[in-house]
Amino acid sequence: MEAMSKKSITTLDRNARKSIRQSVLLGAVIEAGDYEFNCKAYNLSLGGVRLKLNLPLALNSMVKTSVKGSDFLQAQVVWVDKGFIGLSFAHSPEEVAKCLGELGARLPKS
């Protein structure tokens, strides 16, 4: 059996998400420590978000993020690739939906 490259493993891990993603293009903000950065959300689910952010955030870092003016949600950096980052929310899907308001109500529940 051929050995998988590191990139292949990363791709498999990223595609094994628990929540159904919704493609979006929305303004977002990320707080990392004492710093706040404007960015764009490219997909969103009740489990996490994909952001365009050209910053070298470390894997497993804890951050806060807000999408389209929502309240901030705690999240963990779970992948970083070519100017994008993937965050996994540190809240239940029900809490995320409530925090995101109308946007959260329109996201797929599984």
PDB file of N, CA and C in Angstrom:
ATOM      1  N   MET A   1       0.844  -1.175   0.000  1.00  0.00           N
ATOM      2  CA  MET A   1       0.000   0.000   0.000  1.00  0.00           C
ATOM      3  C   MET A   1       0.887   1.235   0.000  1.00  0.00           C
ATOM      4  N   GLU A   2       0.536   2.250  -0.837  1.00  0.00           N
ATOM      5  CA  GLU A   2       1.330   3.454  -0.929  1.00  0.00           C
ATOM      6  C   GLU A   2       1.127   4.308   0.309  1.00  0.00           C
ATOM      7  N   ALA A   3       2.195   4.970   0.731  1.00  0.00           N
ATOM      8  CA  ALA A   3       2.100   5.905   1.856  1.00  0.00           C
ATOM      9  C   ALA A   3       1.421   7.180   1.374  1.00  0.00           C
ATOM     10  N   MET A   4       0.556   7.728   2.215  1.00  0.00           N
ATOM     11  CA  MET A   4      -0.112   8.984   1.873  1.00  0.00           C
ATOM     12  C   MET A   4       0.804  10.149   2.181  1.00  0.00           C
ATOM     13  N   SER A   5       0.753  11.167   1.355  1.00  0.00           N
ATOM     14  CA  SER A   5       1.529  12.366   1.638  1.00  0.00           C
ATOM     15  C   SER A   5       0.852  13.133   2.768  1.00  0.00           C
ATOM     16  N   LYS A   6       1.610  14.029   3.382  1.00  0.00           N
ATOM     17  CA  LYS A   6       1.058  14.848   4.464  1.00  0.00           C
ATOM     18  C   LYS A   6      -0.130  15.667   3.955  1.00  0.00           C
ATOM     19  N   LYS A   7      -0.014  16.201   2.735  1.00  0.00           N
ATOM     20  CA  LYS A   7      -1.099  17.002   2.167  1.00  0.00           C
ATOM     21  C   LYS A   7      -2.369  16.162   1.995  1.00  0.00           C
ATOM     22  N   SER A   8      -2.236  14.910   1.569  1.00  0.00           N
ATOM     23  CA  SER A   8      -3.397  14.038   1.412  1.00  0.00           C
ATOM     24  C   SER A   8      -4.108  13.815   2.743  1.00  0.00           C
ATOM     25  N   ILE A   9      -3.333  13.601   3.794  1.00  0.00           N
ATOM     26  CA  ILE A   9      -3.926  13.384   5.117  1.00  0.00           C
ATOM     27  C   ILE A   9      -4.669  14.626   5.560  1.00  0.00           C
ATOM     28  N   THR A  10      -4.048  15.800   5.340  1.00  0.00           N
ATOM     29  CA  THR A  10      -4.699  17.054   5.702  1.00  0.00           C
ATOM     30  C   THR A  10      -6.017  17.201   4.955  1.00  0.00           C
ATOM     31  N   THR A  11      -6.027  16.890   3.660  1.00  0.00           N
ATOM     32  CA  THR A  11      -7.242  16.997   2.864  1.00  0.00           C
ATOM     33  C   THR A  11      -8.307  16.031   3.368  1.00  0.00           C
ATOM     34  N   LEU A  12      -7.918  14.802   3.680  1.00  0.00           N
ATOM     35  CA  LEU A  12      -8.888  13.840   4.200  1.00  0.00           C
ATOM     36  C   LEU A  12      -9.481  14.323   5.518  1.00  0.00           C
ATOM     37  N   ASP A  13      -8.632  14.835   6.413  1.00  0.00           N
ATOM     38  CA  ASP A  13      -9.110  15.331   7.696  1.00  0.00           C
ATOM     39  C   ASP A  13     -10.090  16.484   7.505  1.00  0.00           C
ATOM     40  N   ARG A  14      -9.780  17.397   6.596  1.00  0.00           N
ATOM     41  CA  ARG A  14     -10.641  18.548   6.369  1.00  0.00           C
ATOM     42  C   ARG A  14     -11.978  18.137   5.773  1.00  0.00           C
ATOM     43  N   ASN A  15     -12.009  17.047   5.012  1.00  0.00           N
ATOM     44  CA  ASN A  15     -13.248  16.613   4.393  1.00  0.00           C
ATOM     45  C   ASN A  15     -14.089  15.731   5.310  1.00  0.00           C
ATOM     46  N   ALA A  16     -13.575  15.385   6.469  1.00  0.00           N
ATOM     47  CA  ALA A  16     -14.286  14.510   7.404  1.00  0.00           C
ATOM     48  C   ALA A  16     -15.020  15.331   8.469  1.00  0.00           C
ATOM     49  N   ARG A  17     -15.629  16.407   8.079  1.00  0.00           N
ATOM     50  CA  ARG A  17     -16.325  17.290   9.011  1.00  0.00           C
ATOM     51  C   ARG A  17     -17.616  16.659   9.496  1.00  0.00           C
ATOM     52  N   LYS A  18     -18.038  17.076  10.681  1.00  0.00           N
ATOM     53  CA  LYS A  18     -19.263  16.549  11.276  1.00  0.00           C
ATOM     54  C   LYS A  18     -20.496  17.335  10.833  1.00  0.00           C
ATOM     55  N   SER A  19     -20.312  18.589  10.432  1.00  0.00           N
ATOM     56  CA  SER A  19     -21.444  19.445  10.076  1.00  0.00           C
ATOM     57  C   SER A  19     -21.442  19.748   8.580  1.00  0.00           C
ATOM     58  N   ILE A  20     -22.613  19.903   8.015  1.00  0.00           N
ATOM     59  CA  ILE A  20     -22.755  20.252   6.604  1.00  0.00           C
ATOM     60  C   ILE A  20     -22.425  21.733   6.447  1.00  0.00           C
ATOM     61  N   ARG A  21     -21.515  22.021   5.512  1.00  0.00           N
ATOM     62  CA  ARG A  21     -21.085  23.394   5.286  1.00  0.00           C
ATOM     63  C   ARG A  21     -21.999  24.102   4.300  1.00  0.00           C
ATOM     64  N   GLN A  22     -22.127  25.405   4.498  1.00  0.00           N
ATOM     65  CA  GLN A  22     -22.868  26.270   3.593  1.00  0.00           C
ATOM     66  C   GLN A  22     -21.864  27.239   2.979  1.00  0.00           C
ATOM     67  N   SER A  23     -21.787  27.292   1.651  1.00  0.00           N
ATOM     68  CA  SER A  23     -20.908  28.269   1.006  1.00  0.00           C
ATOM     69  C   SER A  23     -21.448  29.664   1.259  1.00  0.00           C
ATOM     70  N   VAL A  24     -20.568  30.559   1.673  1.00  0.00           N
ATOM     71  CA  VAL A  24     -20.947  31.937   1.961  1.00  0.00           C
ATOM     72  C   VAL A  24     -19.805  32.848   1.527  1.00  0.00           C
ATOM     73  N   LEU A  25     -20.050  34.115   1.470  1.00  0.00           N
ATOM     74  CA  LEU A  25     -19.006  35.129   1.338  1.00  0.00           C
ATOM     75  C   LEU A  25     -19.464  36.285   2.220  1.00  0.00           C
ATOM     76  N   LEU A  26     -19.009  36.249   3.470  1.00  0.00           N
ATOM     77  CA  LEU A  26     -19.478  37.191   4.476  1.00  0.00           C
ATOM     78  C   LEU A  26     -18.300  37.826   5.211  1.00  0.00           C
ATOM     79  N   GLY A  27     -18.497  39.049   5.646  1.00  0.00           N
ATOM     80  CA  GLY A  27     -17.496  39.698   6.476  1.00  0.00           C
ATOM     81  C   GLY A  27     -17.402  38.995   7.818  1.00  0.00           C
ATOM     82  N   ALA A  28     -16.191  38.923   8.333  1.00  0.00           N
ATOM     83  CA  ALA A  28     -15.963  38.276   9.624  1.00  0.00           C
ATOM     84  C   ALA A  28     -14.834  39.007  10.344  1.00  0.00           C
ATOM     85  N   VAL A  29     -14.730  38.742  11.629  1.00  0.00           N
ATOM     86  CA  VAL A  29     -13.666  39.303  12.456  1.00  0.00           C
ATOM     87  C   VAL A  29     -13.097  38.158  13.269  1.00  0.00           C
ATOM     88  N   ILE A  30     -11.786  38.154  13.444  1.00  0.00           N
ATOM     89  CA  ILE A  30     -11.155  37.161  14.304  1.00  0.00           C
ATOM     90  C   ILE A  30     -10.329  37.896  15.353  1.00  0.00           C
ATOM     91  N   GLU A  31     -10.448  37.477  16.594  1.00  0.00           N
ATOM     92  CA  GLU A  31      -9.638  37.997  17.687  1.00  0.00           C
ATOM     93  C   GLU A  31      -8.632  36.927  18.080  1.00  0.00           C
ATOM     94  N   ALA A  32      -7.360  37.301  18.051  1.00  0.00           N
ATOM     95  CA  ALA A  32      -6.280  36.410  18.470  1.00  0.00           C
ATOM     96  C   ALA A  32      -5.469  37.174  19.514  1.00  0.00           C
ATOM     97  N   GLY A  33      -5.602  36.781  20.760  1.00  0.00           N
ATOM     98  CA  GLY A  33      -4.940  37.523  21.832  1.00  0.00           C
ATOM     99  C   GLY A  33      -5.527  38.922  21.927  1.00  0.00           C
ATOM    100  N   ASP A  34      -4.664  39.922  21.895  1.00  0.00           N
ATOM    101  CA  ASP A  34      -5.104  41.324  21.985  1.00  0.00           C
ATOM    102  C   ASP A  34      -5.363  41.947  20.622  1.00  0.00           C
ATOM    103  N   TYR A  35      -5.300  41.160  19.561  1.00  0.00           N
ATOM    104  CA  TYR A  35      -5.413  41.683  18.207  1.00  0.00           C
ATOM    105  C   TYR A  35      -6.723  41.253  17.554  1.00  0.00           C
ATOM    106  N   GLU A  36      -7.242  42.146  16.702  1.00  0.00           N
ATOM    107  CA  GLU A  36      -8.487  41.880  15.985  1.00  0.00           C
ATOM    108  C   GLU A  36      -8.229  42.117  14.498  1.00  0.00           C
ATOM    109  N   PHE A  37      -8.679  41.177  13.662  1.00  0.00           N
ATOM    110  CA  PHE A  37      -8.444  41.258  12.225  1.00  0.00           C
ATOM    111  C   PHE A  37      -9.756  41.065  11.465  1.00  0.00           C
ATOM    112  N   ASN A  38      -9.962  41.894  10.448  1.00  0.00           N
ATOM    113  CA  ASN A  38     -11.091  41.701   9.545  1.00  0.00           C
ATOM    114  C   ASN A  38     -10.718  40.640   8.526  1.00  0.00           C
ATOM    115  N   CYS A  39     -11.674  39.803   8.167  1.00  0.00           N
ATOM    116  CA  CYS A  39     -11.425  38.734   7.208  1.00  0.00           C
ATOM    117  C   CYS A  39     -12.744  38.384   6.515  1.00  0.00           C
ATOM    118  N   LYS A  40     -12.727  37.365   5.694  1.00  0.00           N
ATOM    119  CA  LYS A  40     -13.920  36.899   4.982  1.00  0.00           C
ATOM    120  C   LYS A  40     -14.182  35.436   5.317  1.00  0.00           C
ATOM    121  N   ALA A  41     -15.447  35.107   5.524  1.00  0.00           N
ATOM    122  CA  ALA A  41     -15.872  33.718   5.715  1.00  0.00           C
ATOM    123  C   ALA A  41     -16.265  33.167   4.351  1.00  0.00           C
ATOM    124  N   TYR A  42     -15.741  31.991   3.994  1.00  0.00           N
ATOM    125  CA  TYR A  42     -16.037  31.364   2.707  1.00  0.00           C
ATOM    126  C   TYR A  42     -16.971  30.174   2.832  1.00  0.00           C
ATOM    127  N   ASN A  43     -16.995  29.535   3.987  1.00  0.00           N
ATOM    128  CA  ASN A  43     -18.054  28.572   4.258  1.00  0.00           C
ATOM    129  C   ASN A  43     -18.280  28.522   5.755  1.00  0.00           C
ATOM    130  N   LEU A  44     -19.468  28.081   6.114  1.00  0.00           N
ATOM    131  CA  LEU A  44     -19.910  28.168   7.497  1.00  0.00           C
ATOM    132  C   LEU A  44     -20.814  26.986   7.800  1.00  0.00           C
ATOM    133  N   SER A  45     -20.654  26.449   8.992  1.00  0.00           N
ATOM    134  CA  SER A  45     -21.557  25.406   9.467  1.00  0.00           C
ATOM    135  C   SER A  45     -21.762  25.637  10.948  1.00  0.00           C
ATOM    136  N   LEU A  46     -22.608  24.837  11.551  1.00  0.00           N
ATOM    137  CA  LEU A  46     -22.809  24.943  12.989  1.00  0.00           C
ATOM    138  C   LEU A  46     -21.613  24.387  13.765  1.00  0.00           C
ATOM    139  N   GLY A  47     -20.668  23.774  13.038  1.00  0.00           N
ATOM    140  CA  GLY A  47     -19.467  23.222  13.665  1.00  0.00           C
ATOM    141  C   GLY A  47     -18.229  24.071  13.504  1.00  0.00           C
ATOM    142  N   GLY A  48     -18.217  24.961  12.502  1.00  0.00           N
ATOM    143  CA  GLY A  48     -17.029  25.770  12.286  1.00  0.00           C
ATOM    144  C   GLY A  48     -17.141  26.666  11.072  1.00  0.00           C
ATOM    145  N   VAL A  49     -16.009  27.279  10.710  1.00  0.00           N
ATOM    146  CA  VAL A  49     -15.993  28.258   9.626  1.00  0.00           C
ATOM    147  C   VAL A  49     -14.636  28.217   8.924  1.00  0.00           C
ATOM    148  N   ARG A  50     -14.664  28.483   7.621  1.00  0.00           N
ATOM    149  CA  ARG A  50     -13.445  28.631   6.817  1.00  0.00           C
ATOM    150  C   ARG A  50     -13.270  30.114   6.547  1.00  0.00           C
ATOM    151  N   LEU A  51     -12.111  30.656   6.950  1.00  0.00           N
ATOM    152  CA  LEU A  51     -11.838  32.083   6.809  1.00  0.00           C
ATOM    153  C   LEU A  51     -10.646  32.326   5.901  1.00  0.00           C
ATOM    154  N   LYS A  52     -10.711  33.400   5.124  1.00  0.00           N
ATOM    155  CA  LYS A  52      -9.560  33.875   4.352  1.00  0.00           C
ATOM    156  C   LYS A  52      -8.810  34.822   5.271  1.00  0.00           C
ATOM    157  N   LEU A  53      -7.595  34.424   5.654  1.00  0.00           N
ATOM    158  CA  LEU A  53      -6.806  35.207   6.601  1.00  0.00           C
ATOM    159  C   LEU A  53      -5.332  34.920   6.341  1.00  0.00           C
ATOM    160  N   ASN A  54      -4.608  35.919   5.901  1.00  0.00           N
ATOM    161  CA  ASN A  54      -3.195  35.732   5.588  1.00  0.00           C
ATOM    162  C   ASN A  54      -2.317  35.971   6.807  1.00  0.00           C
ATOM    163  N   LEU A  55      -2.592  35.249   7.857  1.00  0.00           N
ATOM    164  CA  LEU A  55      -1.795  35.317   9.081  1.00  0.00           C
ATOM    165  C   LEU A  55      -1.373  33.912   9.472  1.00  0.00           C
ATOM    166  N   PRO A  56      -0.190  33.769   9.980  1.00  0.00           N
ATOM    167  CA  PRO A  56       0.291  32.439  10.364  1.00  0.00           C
ATOM    168  C   PRO A  56      -0.173  32.044  11.765  1.00  0.00           C
ATOM    169  N   LEU A  57      -1.454  31.792  11.933  1.00  0.00           N
ATOM    170  CA  LEU A  57      -1.946  31.346  13.234  1.00  0.00           C
ATOM    171  C   LEU A  57      -1.554  29.889  13.449  1.00  0.00           C
ATOM    172  N   ALA A  58      -1.142  29.577  14.651  1.00  0.00           N
ATOM    173  CA  ALA A  58      -0.689  28.224  14.966  1.00  0.00           C
ATOM    174  C   ALA A  58      -1.874  27.268  15.084  1.00  0.00           C
ATOM    175  N   LEU A  59      -1.669  26.048  14.606  1.00  0.00           N
ATOM    176  CA  LEU A  59      -2.685  25.008  14.780  1.00  0.00           C
ATOM    177  C   LEU A  59      -3.009  24.860  16.258  1.00  0.00           C
ATOM    178  N   ASN A  60      -4.257  24.600  16.547  1.00  0.00           N
ATOM    179  CA  ASN A  60      -4.786  24.393  17.901  1.00  0.00           C
ATOM    180  C   ASN A  60      -4.885  25.670  18.730  1.00  0.00           C
ATOM    181  N   SER A  61      -4.541  26.831  18.142  1.00  0.00           N
ATOM    182  CA  SER A  61      -4.710  28.098  18.853  1.00  0.00           C
ATOM    183  C   SER A  61      -6.186  28.332  19.136  1.00  0.00           C
ATOM    184  N   MET A  62      -6.477  28.932  20.271  1.00  0.00           N
ATOM    185  CA  MET A  62      -7.849  29.322  20.591  1.00  0.00           C
ATOM    186  C   MET A  62      -8.019  30.788  20.214  1.00  0.00           C
ATOM    187  N   VAL A  63      -9.100  31.080  19.498  1.00  0.00           N
ATOM    188  CA  VAL A  63      -9.402  32.431  19.034  1.00  0.00           C
ATOM    189  C   VAL A  63     -10.886  32.697  19.270  1.00  0.00           C
ATOM    190  N   LYS A  64     -11.306  33.904  18.958  1.00  0.00           N
ATOM    191  CA  LYS A  64     -12.729  34.245  18.941  1.00  0.00           C
ATOM    192  C   LYS A  64     -13.041  34.764  17.548  1.00  0.00           C
ATOM    193  N   THR A  65     -14.240  34.474  17.062  1.00  0.00           N
ATOM    194  CA  THR A  65     -14.630  34.959  15.745  1.00  0.00           C
ATOM    195  C   THR A  65     -16.085  35.401  15.742  1.00  0.00           C
ATOM    196  N   SER A  66     -16.344  36.375  14.889  1.00  0.00           N
ATOM    197  CA  SER A  66     -17.692  36.895  14.674  1.00  0.00           C
ATOM    198  C   SER A  66     -17.944  36.900  13.172  1.00  0.00           C
ATOM    199  N   VAL A  67     -19.098  36.412  12.754  1.00  0.00           N
ATOM    200  CA  VAL A  67     -19.452  36.375  11.338  1.00  0.00           C
ATOM    201  C   VAL A  67     -20.657  37.292  11.133  1.00  0.00           C
ATOM    202  N   LYS A  68     -20.503  38.227  10.200  1.00  0.00           N
ATOM    203  CA  LYS A  68     -21.581  39.142   9.830  1.00  0.00           C
ATOM    204  C   LYS A  68     -22.193  39.839  11.050  1.00  0.00           C
ATOM    205  N   GLY A  69     -21.327  40.314  11.950  1.00  0.00           N
ATOM    206  CA  GLY A  69     -21.781  41.093  13.090  1.00  0.00           C
ATOM    207  C   GLY A  69     -22.368  40.295  14.237  1.00  0.00           C
ATOM    208  N   SER A  70     -22.244  38.968  14.200  1.00  0.00           N
ATOM    209  CA  SER A  70     -22.778  38.142  15.290  1.00  0.00           C
ATOM    210  C   SER A  70     -21.952  38.360  16.557  1.00  0.00           C
ATOM    211  N   ASP A  71     -22.436  37.823  17.664  1.00  0.00           N
ATOM    212  CA  ASP A  71     -21.631  37.783  18.876  1.00  0.00           C
ATOM    213  C   ASP A  71     -20.402  36.924  18.580  1.00  0.00           C
ATOM    214  N   PHE A  72     -19.350  37.114  19.377  1.00  0.00           N
ATOM    215  CA  PHE A  72     -18.130  36.333  19.179  1.00  0.00           C
ATOM    216  C   PHE A  72     -18.299  34.915  19.712  1.00  0.00           C
ATOM    217  N   LEU A  73     -17.718  33.972  18.988  1.00  0.00           N
ATOM    218  CA  LEU A  73     -17.704  32.556  19.356  1.00  0.00           C
ATOM    219  C   LEU A  73     -16.268  32.108  19.590  1.00  0.00           C
ATOM    220  N   GLN A  74     -16.049  31.331  20.643  1.00  0.00           N
ATOM    221  CA  GLN A  74     -14.739  30.706  20.867  1.00  0.00           C
ATOM    222  C   GLN A  74     -14.542  29.629  19.812  1.00  0.00           C
ATOM    223  N   ALA A  75     -13.318  29.513  19.305  1.00  0.00           N
ATOM    224  CA  ALA A  75     -13.029  28.509  18.279  1.00  0.00           C
ATOM    225  C   ALA A  75     -11.560  28.110  18.343  1.00  0.00           C
ATOM    226  N   GLN A  76     -11.286  26.943  17.774  1.00  0.00           N
ATOM    227  CA  GLN A  76      -9.923  26.421  17.713  1.00  0.00           C
ATOM    228  C   GLN A  76      -9.480  26.342  16.261  1.00  0.00           C
ATOM    229  N   VAL A  77      -8.251  26.754  15.983  1.00  0.00           N
ATOM    230  CA  VAL A  77      -7.682  26.645  14.645  1.00  0.00           C
ATOM    231  C   VAL A  77      -7.375  25.162  14.396  1.00  0.00           C
ATOM    232  N   VAL A  78      -8.056  24.560  13.416  1.00  0.00           N
ATOM    233  CA  VAL A  78      -7.877  23.130  13.154  1.00  0.00           C
ATOM    234  C   VAL A  78      -7.117  22.847  11.858  1.00  0.00           C
ATOM    235  N   TRP A  79      -7.003  23.838  10.986  1.00  0.00           N
ATOM    236  CA  TRP A  79      -6.147  23.698   9.808  1.00  0.00           C
ATOM    237  C   TRP A  79      -5.790  25.077   9.278  1.00  0.00           C
ATOM    238  N   VAL A  80      -4.651  25.130   8.575  1.00  0.00           N
ATOM    239  CA  VAL A  80      -4.147  26.353   7.949  1.00  0.00           C
ATOM    240  C   VAL A  80      -3.612  25.946   6.585  1.00  0.00           C
ATOM    241  N   ASP A  81      -4.030  26.658   5.508  1.00  0.00           N
ATOM    242  CA  ASP A  81      -3.583  26.282   4.171  1.00  0.00           C
ATOM    243  C   ASP A  81      -3.698  27.449   3.198  1.00  0.00           C
ATOM    244  N   LYS A  82      -2.586  27.941   2.708  1.00  0.00           N
ATOM    245  CA  LYS A  82      -2.522  28.936   1.622  1.00  0.00           C
ATOM    246  C   LYS A  82      -3.438  30.136   1.853  1.00  0.00           C
ATOM    247  N   GLY A  83      -3.326  30.781   2.990  1.00  0.00           N
ATOM    248  CA  GLY A  83      -4.090  31.985   3.261  1.00  0.00           C
ATOM    249  C   GLY A  83      -5.487  31.743   3.809  1.00  0.00           C
ATOM    250  N   PHE A  84      -5.855  30.497   4.038  1.00  0.00           N
ATOM    251  CA  PHE A  84      -7.144  30.165   4.637  1.00  0.00           C
ATOM    252  C   PHE A  84      -6.899  29.451   5.962  1.00  0.00           C
ATOM    253  N   ILE A  85      -7.866  29.573   6.867  1.00  0.00           N
ATOM    254  CA  ILE A  85      -7.815  28.813   8.116  1.00  0.00           C
ATOM    255  C   ILE A  85      -9.176  28.183   8.370  1.00  0.00           C
ATOM    256  N   GLY A  86      -9.163  27.069   9.037  1.00  0.00           N
ATOM    257  CA  GLY A  86     -10.388  26.393   9.443  1.00  0.00           C
ATOM    258  C   GLY A  86     -10.512  26.462  10.952  1.00  0.00           C
ATOM    259  N   LEU A  87     -11.665  26.891  11.407  1.00  0.00           N
ATOM    260  CA  LEU A  87     -11.933  26.975  12.840  1.00  0.00           C
ATOM    261  C   LEU A  87     -13.039  25.999  13.213  1.00  0.00           C
ATOM    262  N   SER A  88     -12.876  25.363  14.346  1.00  0.00           N
ATOM    263  CA  SER A  88     -13.909  24.509  14.914  1.00  0.00           C
ATOM    264  C   SER A  88     -14.463  25.227  16.139  1.00  0.00           C
ATOM    265  N   PHE A  89     -15.780  25.470  16.139  1.00  0.00           N
ATOM    266  CA  PHE A  89     -16.387  26.186  17.258  1.00  0.00           C
ATOM    267  C   PHE A  89     -16.321  25.363  18.536  1.00  0.00           C
ATOM    268  N   ALA A  90     -16.092  26.041  19.647  1.00  0.00           N
ATOM    269  CA  ALA A  90     -16.007  25.391  20.957  1.00  0.00           C
ATOM    270  C   ALA A  90     -17.355  25.444  21.666  1.00  0.00           C
ATOM    271  N   HIS A  91     -18.430  25.401  20.900  1.00  0.00           N
ATOM    272  CA  HIS A  91     -19.796  25.490  21.426  1.00  0.00           C
ATOM    273  C   HIS A  91     -20.654  24.408  20.769  1.00  0.00           C
ATOM    274  N   SER A  92     -21.759  24.100  21.380  1.00  0.00           N
ATOM    275  CA  SER A  92     -22.681  23.139  20.783  1.00  0.00           C
ATOM    276  C   SER A  92     -23.322  23.768  19.538  1.00  0.00           C
ATOM    277  N   PRO A  93     -23.787  22.949  18.604  1.00  0.00           N
ATOM    278  CA  PRO A  93     -24.474  23.490  17.420  1.00  0.00           C
ATOM    279  C   PRO A  93     -25.657  24.396  17.795  1.00  0.00           C
ATOM    280  N   GLU A  94     -26.352  24.069  18.866  1.00  0.00           N
ATOM    281  CA  GLU A  94     -27.497  24.890  19.292  1.00  0.00           C
ATOM    282  C   GLU A  94     -27.029  26.273  19.753  1.00  0.00           C
ATOM    283  N   GLU A  95     -25.918  26.311  20.479  1.00  0.00           N
ATOM    284  CA  GLU A  95     -25.376  27.599  20.933  1.00  0.00           C
ATOM    285  C   GLU A  95     -24.879  28.428  19.755  1.00  0.00           C
ATOM    286  N   VAL A  96     -24.244  27.775  18.780  1.00  0.00           N
ATOM    287  CA  VAL A  96     -23.748  28.474  17.590  1.00  0.00           C
ATOM    288  C   VAL A  96     -24.922  29.057  16.814  1.00  0.00           C
ATOM    289  N   ALA A  97     -25.968  28.266  16.593  1.00  0.00           N
ATOM    290  CA  ALA A  97     -27.146  28.743  15.852  1.00  0.00           C
ATOM    291  C   ALA A  97     -27.750  29.956  16.541  1.00  0.00           C
ATOM    292  N   LYS A  98     -27.860  29.909  17.847  1.00  0.00           N
ATOM    293  CA  LYS A  98     -28.426  31.035  18.603  1.00  0.00           C
ATOM    294  C   LYS A  98     -27.548  32.276  18.464  1.00  0.00           C
ATOM    295  N   CYS A  99     -26.243  32.105  18.573  1.00  0.00           N
ATOM    296  CA  CYS A  99     -25.307  33.223  18.464  1.00  0.00           C
ATOM    297  C   CYS A  99     -25.347  33.864  17.077  1.00  0.00           C
ATOM    298  N   LEU A 100     -25.489  33.046  16.042  1.00  0.00           N
ATOM    299  CA  LEU A 100     -25.510  33.550  14.669  1.00  0.00           C
ATOM    300  C   LEU A 100     -26.867  34.125  14.264  1.00  0.00           C
ATOM    301  N   GLY A 101     -27.879  33.957  15.094  1.00  0.00           N
ATOM    302  CA  GLY A 101     -29.193  34.536  14.823  1.00  0.00           C
ATOM    303  C   GLY A 101     -29.840  33.982  13.568  1.00  0.00           C
ATOM    304  N   GLU A 102     -30.359  34.886  12.708  1.00  0.00           N
ATOM    305  CA  GLU A 102     -31.040  34.445  11.480  1.00  0.00           C
ATOM    306  C   GLU A 102     -30.129  33.626  10.575  1.00  0.00           C
ATOM    307  N   LEU A 103     -28.859  33.999  10.529  1.00  0.00           N
ATOM    308  CA  LEU A 103     -27.895  33.237   9.732  1.00  0.00           C
ATOM    309  C   LEU A 103     -27.785  31.806  10.258  1.00  0.00           C
ATOM    310  N   GLY A 104     -27.692  31.640  11.554  1.00  0.00           N
ATOM    311  CA  GLY A 104     -27.611  30.312  12.173  1.00  0.00           C
ATOM    312  C   GLY A 104     -28.858  29.492  11.954  1.00  0.00           C
ATOM    313  N   ALA A 105     -30.013  30.146  11.930  1.00  0.00           N
ATOM    314  CA  ALA A 105     -31.282  29.448  11.728  1.00  0.00           C
ATOM    315  C   ALA A 105     -31.384  28.855  10.325  1.00  0.00           C
ATOM    316  N   ARG A 106     -30.653  29.434   9.362  1.00  0.00           N
ATOM    317  CA  ARG A 106     -30.695  28.949   7.972  1.00  0.00           C
ATOM    318  C   ARG A 106     -29.663  27.865   7.669  1.00  0.00           C
ATOM    319  N   LEU A 107     -28.744  27.605   8.611  1.00  0.00           N
ATOM    320  CA  LEU A 107     -27.706  26.600   8.363  1.00  0.00           C
ATOM    321  C   LEU A 107     -28.249  25.188   8.549  1.00  0.00           C
ATOM    322  N   PRO A 108     -27.748  24.235   7.744  1.00  0.00           N
ATOM    323  CA  PRO A 108     -28.179  22.831   7.916  1.00  0.00           C
ATOM    324  C   PRO A 108     -27.864  22.338   9.330  1.00  0.00           C
ATOM    325  N   LYS A 109     -28.746  21.546   9.881  1.00  0.00           N
ATOM    326  CA  LYS A 109     -28.625  21.089  11.268  1.00  0.00           C
ATOM    327  C   LYS A 109     -27.732  19.876  11.450  1.00  0.00           C
ATOM    328  N   SER A 110     -27.309  19.184  10.399  1.00  0.00           N
ATOM    329  CA  SER A 110     -26.433  18.008  10.570  1.00  0.00           C
ATOM    330  C   SER A 110     -25.207  18.120   9.733  1.00  0.00           C
TER     331      SER A 110
END
